PDB file of N, CA and C in Angstrom:
ATOM      1  N   MET A   1       7.635  17.289  26.038  1.00  0.00           N
ATOM      2  CA  MET A   1       7.187  16.400  24.687  1.00  0.00           C
ATOM      3  C   MET A   1       6.508  14.949  25.383  1.00  0.00           C
ATOM      4  N   ALA A   2       5.489  14.831  24.225  1.00  0.00           N
ATOM      5  CA  ALA A   2       4.616  13.726  24.728  1.00  0.00           C
ATOM      6  C   ALA A   2       5.140  12.438  25.179  1.00  0.00           C
ATOM      7  N   GLU A   3       4.740  11.755  25.684  1.00  0.00           N
ATOM      8  CA  GLU A   3       5.286  10.481  26.216  1.00  0.00           C
ATOM      9  C   GLU A   3       4.916   9.334  25.201  1.00  0.00           C
ATOM     10  N   ARG A   4       6.150   8.654  25.179  1.00  0.00           N
ATOM     11  CA  ARG A   4       6.424   7.393  24.107  1.00  0.00           C
ATOM     12  C   ARG A   4       5.949   6.473  24.433  1.00  0.00           C
ATOM     13  N   LYS A   5       5.235   5.378  23.343  1.00  0.00           N
ATOM     14  CA  LYS A   5       4.872   3.718  24.042  1.00  0.00           C
ATOM     15  C   LYS A   5       6.098   3.262  23.041  1.00  0.00           C
ATOM     16  N   ALA A   6       7.061   2.595  24.092  1.00  0.00           N
ATOM     17  CA  ALA A   6       7.721   1.689  23.751  1.00  0.00           C
ATOM     18  C   ALA A   6       7.201   0.104  23.344  1.00  0.00           C
ATOM     19  N   PHE A   7       7.722  -0.333  22.309  1.00  0.00           N
ATOM     20  CA  PHE A   7       7.055  -1.797  21.860  1.00  0.00           C
ATOM     21  C   PHE A   7       8.282  -2.500  21.265  1.00  0.00           C
ATOM     22  N   LEU A   8       8.631  -3.395  21.144  1.00  0.00           N
ATOM     23  CA  LEU A   8       9.314  -4.585  20.414  1.00  0.00           C
ATOM     24  C   LEU A   8       9.097  -4.588  18.906  1.00  0.00           C
ATOM     25  N   LEU A   9       9.802  -4.037  18.048  1.00  0.00           N
ATOM     26  CA  LEU A   9       9.393  -4.479  16.392  1.00  0.00           C
ATOM     27  C   LEU A   9      10.463  -5.282  16.006  1.00  0.00           C
ATOM     28  N   ARG A  10      10.286  -6.537  15.498  1.00  0.00           N
ATOM     29  CA  ARG A  10      11.192  -7.507  14.616  1.00  0.00           C
ATOM     30  C   ARG A  10      10.911  -7.171  13.086  1.00  0.00           C
ATOM     31  N   LEU A  11      12.609  -7.188  12.813  1.00  0.00           N
ATOM     32  CA  LEU A  11      12.395  -6.396  11.357  1.00  0.00           C
ATOM     33  C   LEU A  11      13.514  -7.608  10.463  1.00  0.00           C
ATOM     34  N   ASP A  12      13.131  -7.683   9.775  1.00  0.00           N
ATOM     35  CA  ASP A  12      14.346  -8.667   8.575  1.00  0.00           C
ATOM     36  C   ASP A  12      15.707  -7.961   8.976  1.00  0.00           C
ATOM     37  N   PRO A  13      16.775  -8.540   8.776  1.00  0.00           N
ATOM     38  CA  PRO A  13      18.165  -7.715   8.998  1.00  0.00           C
ATOM     39  C   PRO A  13      18.051  -6.636   7.871  1.00  0.00           C
ATOM     40  N   GLU A  14      18.011  -6.877   6.586  1.00  0.00           N
ATOM     41  CA  GLU A  14      18.016  -6.341   5.167  1.00  0.00           C
ATOM     42  C   GLU A  14      17.326  -5.143   5.044  1.00  0.00           C
ATOM     43  N   LEU A  15      16.069  -5.456   5.801  1.00  0.00           N
ATOM     44  CA  LEU A  15      15.126  -3.987   5.946  1.00  0.00           C
ATOM     45  C   LEU A  15      15.748  -3.190   6.776  1.00  0.00           C
ATOM     46  N   HIS A  16      16.024  -3.547   8.071  1.00  0.00           N
ATOM     47  CA  HIS A  16      16.977  -2.760   8.896  1.00  0.00           C
ATOM     48  C   HIS A  16      17.904  -2.257   8.254  1.00  0.00           C
ATOM     49  N   ALA A  17      18.797  -2.666   7.746  1.00  0.00           N
ATOM     50  CA  ALA A  17      20.012  -1.780   7.136  1.00  0.00           C
ATOM     51  C   ALA A  17      19.752  -0.792   6.195  1.00  0.00           C
ATOM     52  N   ARG A  18      18.532  -1.327   5.520  1.00  0.00           N
ATOM     53  CA  ARG A  18      18.150  -0.180   4.531  1.00  0.00           C
ATOM     54  C   ARG A  18      17.594   1.201   5.169  1.00  0.00           C
ATOM     55  N   LEU A  19      16.802   0.752   6.377  1.00  0.00           N
ATOM     56  CA  LEU A  19      15.946   1.727   6.926  1.00  0.00           C
ATOM     57  C   LEU A  19      17.131   2.732   7.755  1.00  0.00           C
ATOM     58  N   GLU A  20      18.407   1.987   8.517  1.00  0.00           N
ATOM     59  CA  GLU A  20      19.104   2.556   8.900  1.00  0.00           C
ATOM     60  C   GLU A  20      19.922   3.715   7.926  1.00  0.00           C
ATOM     61  N   ARG A  21      20.180   2.975   6.819  1.00  0.00           N
ATOM     62  CA  ARG A  21      20.885   4.007   5.765  1.00  0.00           C
ATOM     63  C   ARG A  21      20.242   5.167   5.469  1.00  0.00           C
ATOM     64  N   TRP A  22      18.712   4.989   4.967  1.00  0.00           N
ATOM     65  CA  TRP A  22      17.698   5.740   4.992  1.00  0.00           C
ATOM     66  C   TRP A  22      17.486   6.984   5.807  1.00  0.00           C
ATOM     67  N   ALA A  23      17.921   6.287   7.169  1.00  0.00           N
ATOM     68  CA  ALA A  23      17.960   7.371   8.172  1.00  0.00           C
ATOM     69  C   ALA A  23      18.976   8.454   8.029  1.00  0.00           C
ATOM     70  N   ALA A  24      19.974   7.382   8.047  1.00  0.00           N
ATOM     71  CA  ALA A  24      21.464   8.223   8.209  1.00  0.00           C
ATOM     72  C   ALA A  24      21.332   9.410   6.826  1.00  0.00           C
ATOM     73  N   ASP A  25      20.675   9.423   5.548  1.00  0.00           N
ATOM     74  CA  ASP A  25      20.858  10.335   4.618  1.00  0.00           C
ATOM     75  C   ASP A  25      19.966  11.259   5.236  1.00  0.00           C
ATOM     76  N   GLU A  26      18.710  10.896   5.656  1.00  0.00           N
ATOM     77  CA  GLU A  26      18.076  11.834   6.107  1.00  0.00           C
ATOM     78  C   GLU A  26      18.649  12.693   7.478  1.00  0.00           C
ATOM     79  N   LEU A  27      19.600  12.039   8.100  1.00  0.00           N
ATOM     80  CA  LEU A  27      20.041  13.444   9.205  1.00  0.00           C
ATOM     81  C   LEU A  27      19.037  12.489  10.809  1.00  0.00           C
ATOM     82  N   ARG A  28      18.387  11.277  10.342  1.00  0.00           N
ATOM     83  CA  ARG A  28      17.217  10.892  11.504  1.00  0.00           C
ATOM     84  C   ARG A  28      17.884  10.100  12.078  1.00  0.00           C
ATOM     85  N   SER A  29      17.325   9.888  13.493  1.00  0.00           N
ATOM     86  CA  SER A  29      17.607   8.521  13.918  1.00  0.00           C
ATOM     87  C   SER A  29      16.708   7.164  13.365  1.00  0.00           C
ATOM     88  N   LEU A  30      17.064   5.909  13.594  1.00  0.00           N
ATOM     89  CA  LEU A  30      16.266   4.486  12.801  1.00  0.00           C
ATOM     90  C   LEU A  30      14.743   5.089  13.769  1.00  0.00           C
ATOM     91  N   ASN A  31      14.975   5.165  14.772  1.00  0.00           N
ATOM     92  CA  ASN A  31      13.324   5.486  15.425  1.00  0.00           C
ATOM     93  C   ASN A  31      12.557   6.844  14.791  1.00  0.00           C
ATOM     94  N   ALA A  32      13.201   7.711  14.380  1.00  0.00           N
ATOM     95  CA  ALA A  32      12.329   9.196  14.002  1.00  0.00           C
ATOM     96  C   ALA A  32      12.522   8.684  12.502  1.00  0.00           C
ATOM     97  N   GLN A  33      12.967   8.000  11.618  1.00  0.00           N
ATOM     98  CA  GLN A  33      12.538   7.619  10.315  1.00  0.00           C
ATOM     99  C   GLN A  33      11.516   6.377  10.533  1.00  0.00           C
ATOM    100  N   ILE A  34      11.449   5.829  11.366  1.00  0.00           N
ATOM    101  CA  ILE A  34      10.217   4.508  11.001  1.00  0.00           C
ATOM    102  C   ILE A  34       8.739   5.528  11.682  1.00  0.00           C
ATOM    103  N   GLU A  35       9.040   6.486  12.678  1.00  0.00           N
ATOM    104  CA  GLU A  35       8.212   6.826  13.124  1.00  0.00           C
ATOM    105  C   GLU A  35       7.398   7.711  11.958  1.00  0.00           C
ATOM    106  N   TYR A  36       8.889   8.819  11.252  1.00  0.00           N
ATOM    107  CA  TYR A  36       8.450   9.929  10.178  1.00  0.00           C
ATOM    108  C   TYR A  36       7.514   8.614   9.094  1.00  0.00           C
ATOM    109  N   LEU A  37       8.029   7.582   8.747  1.00  0.00           N
ATOM    110  CA  LEU A  37       7.266   7.131   7.753  1.00  0.00           C
ATOM    111  C   LEU A  37       5.911   6.166   7.821  1.00  0.00           C
ATOM    112  N   LEU A  38       5.482   5.950   9.562  1.00  0.00           N
ATOM    113  CA  LEU A  38       4.283   5.251   9.242  1.00  0.00           C
ATOM    114  C   LEU A  38       3.469   6.949   9.895  1.00  0.00           C
ATOM    115  N   ARG A  39       3.690   7.918   9.914  1.00  0.00           N
ATOM    116  CA  ARG A  39       2.730   9.405   9.982  1.00  0.00           C
ATOM    117  C   ARG A  39       2.725   9.332   8.517  1.00  0.00           C
ATOM    118  N   ARG A  40       3.269   9.183   7.644  1.00  0.00           N
ATOM    119  CA  ARG A  40       3.485   9.667   6.244  1.00  0.00           C
ATOM    120  C   ARG A  40       2.711   8.787   5.676  1.00  0.00           C
ATOM    121  N   ALA A  41       2.589   7.494   5.914  1.00  0.00           N
ATOM    122  CA  ALA A  41       1.587   6.341   5.495  1.00  0.00           C
ATOM    123  C   ALA A  41       0.407   6.513   6.248  1.00  0.00           C
ATOM    124  N   LEU A  42      -0.136   6.874   7.239  1.00  0.00           N
ATOM    125  CA  LEU A  42      -1.465   7.141   7.856  1.00  0.00           C
ATOM    126  C   LEU A  42      -1.925   8.227   7.086  1.00  0.00           C
ATOM    127  N   ALA A  43      -1.385   9.527   6.833  1.00  0.00           N
ATOM    128  CA  ALA A  43      -1.565  10.521   6.145  1.00  0.00           C
ATOM    129  C   ALA A  43      -2.125  10.437   4.434  1.00  0.00           C
ATOM    130  N   GLU A  44      -1.232   9.536   3.913  1.00  0.00           N
ATOM    131  CA  GLU A  44      -1.714   8.810   2.813  1.00  0.00           C
ATOM    132  C   GLU A  44      -3.031   7.981   2.597  1.00  0.00           C
ATOM    133  N   ALA A  45      -3.369   7.269   3.685  1.00  0.00           N
ATOM    134  CA  ALA A  45      -4.309   6.407   3.901  1.00  0.00           C
ATOM    135  C   ALA A  45      -5.593   7.100   4.500  1.00  0.00           C
ATOM    136  N   GLY A  46      -5.317   8.690   4.596  1.00  0.00           N
ATOM    137  CA  GLY A  46      -6.448   9.482   4.994  1.00  0.00           C
ATOM    138  C   GLY A  46      -6.902   8.617   6.555  1.00  0.00           C
ATOM    139  N   ARG A  47      -5.890   8.385   7.516  1.00  0.00           N
ATOM    140  CA  ARG A  47      -6.336   7.724   8.605  1.00  0.00           C
ATOM    141  C   ARG A  47      -5.492   8.863   9.660  1.00  0.00           C
ATOM    142  N   GLU A  48      -4.514   9.985   9.404  1.00  0.00           N
ATOM    143  CA  GLU A  48      -4.207  10.752  10.644  1.00  0.00           C
ATOM    144  C   GLU A  48      -5.297  11.616  11.306  1.00  0.00           C
ATOM    145  N   ARG A  49      -4.931  11.379  12.600  1.00  0.00           N
ATOM    146  CA  ARG A  49      -5.776  12.108  13.536  1.00  0.00           C
ATOM    147  C   ARG A  49      -5.905  13.454  13.266  1.00  0.00           C
ATOM    148  N   ARG A  50      -6.804  14.254  13.365  1.00  0.00           N
ATOM    149  CA  ARG A  50      -7.277  15.512  12.940  1.00  0.00           C
ATOM    150  C   ARG A  50      -7.146  16.047  14.233  1.00  0.00           C
ATOM    151  N   ARG A  51      -6.325  17.318  14.406  1.00  0.00           N
ATOM    152  CA  ARG A  51      -5.818  18.093  15.470  1.00  0.00           C
ATOM    153  C   ARG A  51      -6.733  18.947  15.432  1.00  0.00           C
ATOM    154  N   GLU A  52      -7.269  19.256  16.590  1.00  0.00           N
ATOM    155  CA  GLU A  52      -8.406  20.052  17.220  1.00  0.00           C
ATOM    156  C   GLU A  52      -7.942  21.414  17.307  1.00  0.00           C
ATOM    157  N   ARG A  53      -8.061  22.269  16.632  1.00  0.00           N
ATOM    158  CA  ARG A  53      -8.031  23.764  16.782  1.00  0.00           C
ATOM    159  C   ARG A  53      -8.920  24.632  17.694  1.00  0.00           C
ATOM    160  N   PRO A  54      -8.562  25.774  18.814  1.00  0.00           N
ATOM    161  CA  PRO A  54      -8.878  26.312  19.551  1.00  0.00           C
ATOM    162  C   PRO A  54     -10.368  26.934  19.499  1.00  0.00           C
ATOM    163  N   ASN A  55     -10.588  27.265  18.088  1.00  0.00           N
ATOM    164  CA  ASN A  55     -11.867  27.901  17.395  1.00  0.00           C
ATOM    165  C   ASN A  55     -12.430  26.875  17.173  1.00  0.00           C
ATOM    166  N   GLU A  56     -12.095  25.480  16.879  1.00  0.00           N
ATOM    167  CA  GLU A  56     -12.848  24.333  15.973  1.00  0.00           C
ATOM    168  C   GLU A  56     -13.698  23.603  17.318  1.00  0.00           C
ATOM    169  N   ARG A  57     -13.817  24.070  18.617  1.00  0.00           N
ATOM    170  CA  ARG A  57     -14.576  23.228  19.216  1.00  0.00           C
ATOM    171  C   ARG A  57     -15.788  23.494  19.594  1.00  0.00           C
ATOM    172  N   GLY A  58     -16.883  22.773  19.997  1.00  0.00           N
ATOM    173  CA  GLY A  58     -17.851  22.961  20.125  1.00  0.00           C
ATOM    174  C   GLY A  58     -18.591  23.755  21.500  1.00  0.00           C
ATOM    175  N   PRO A  59     -19.554  24.102  21.251  1.00  0.00           N
ATOM    176  CA  PRO A  59     -20.062  24.811  23.220  1.00  0.00           C
ATOM    177  C   PRO A  59     -19.689  24.113  24.091  1.00  0.00           C
ATOM    178  N   GLU A  60     -18.911  24.767  25.153  1.00  0.00           N
ATOM    179  CA  GLU A  60     -18.895  24.341  26.376  1.00  0.00           C
ATOM    180  C   GLU A  60     -19.753  24.405  27.481  1.00  0.00           C
TER     181      GLU A  60
END
């Protein structure tokens, strides 16, 4: 598994409670739910990291 970067995130208590409920509904941890939402937002904004495929590499 890739190394994770830890950081403090301050949230409004109501937002935190809503995210916890949503995560529970999706059978995810709160951390996994936040990461899922951030990745989805990046994709929707066209800012996701493009994964390099072995056959897409340039000459070595």
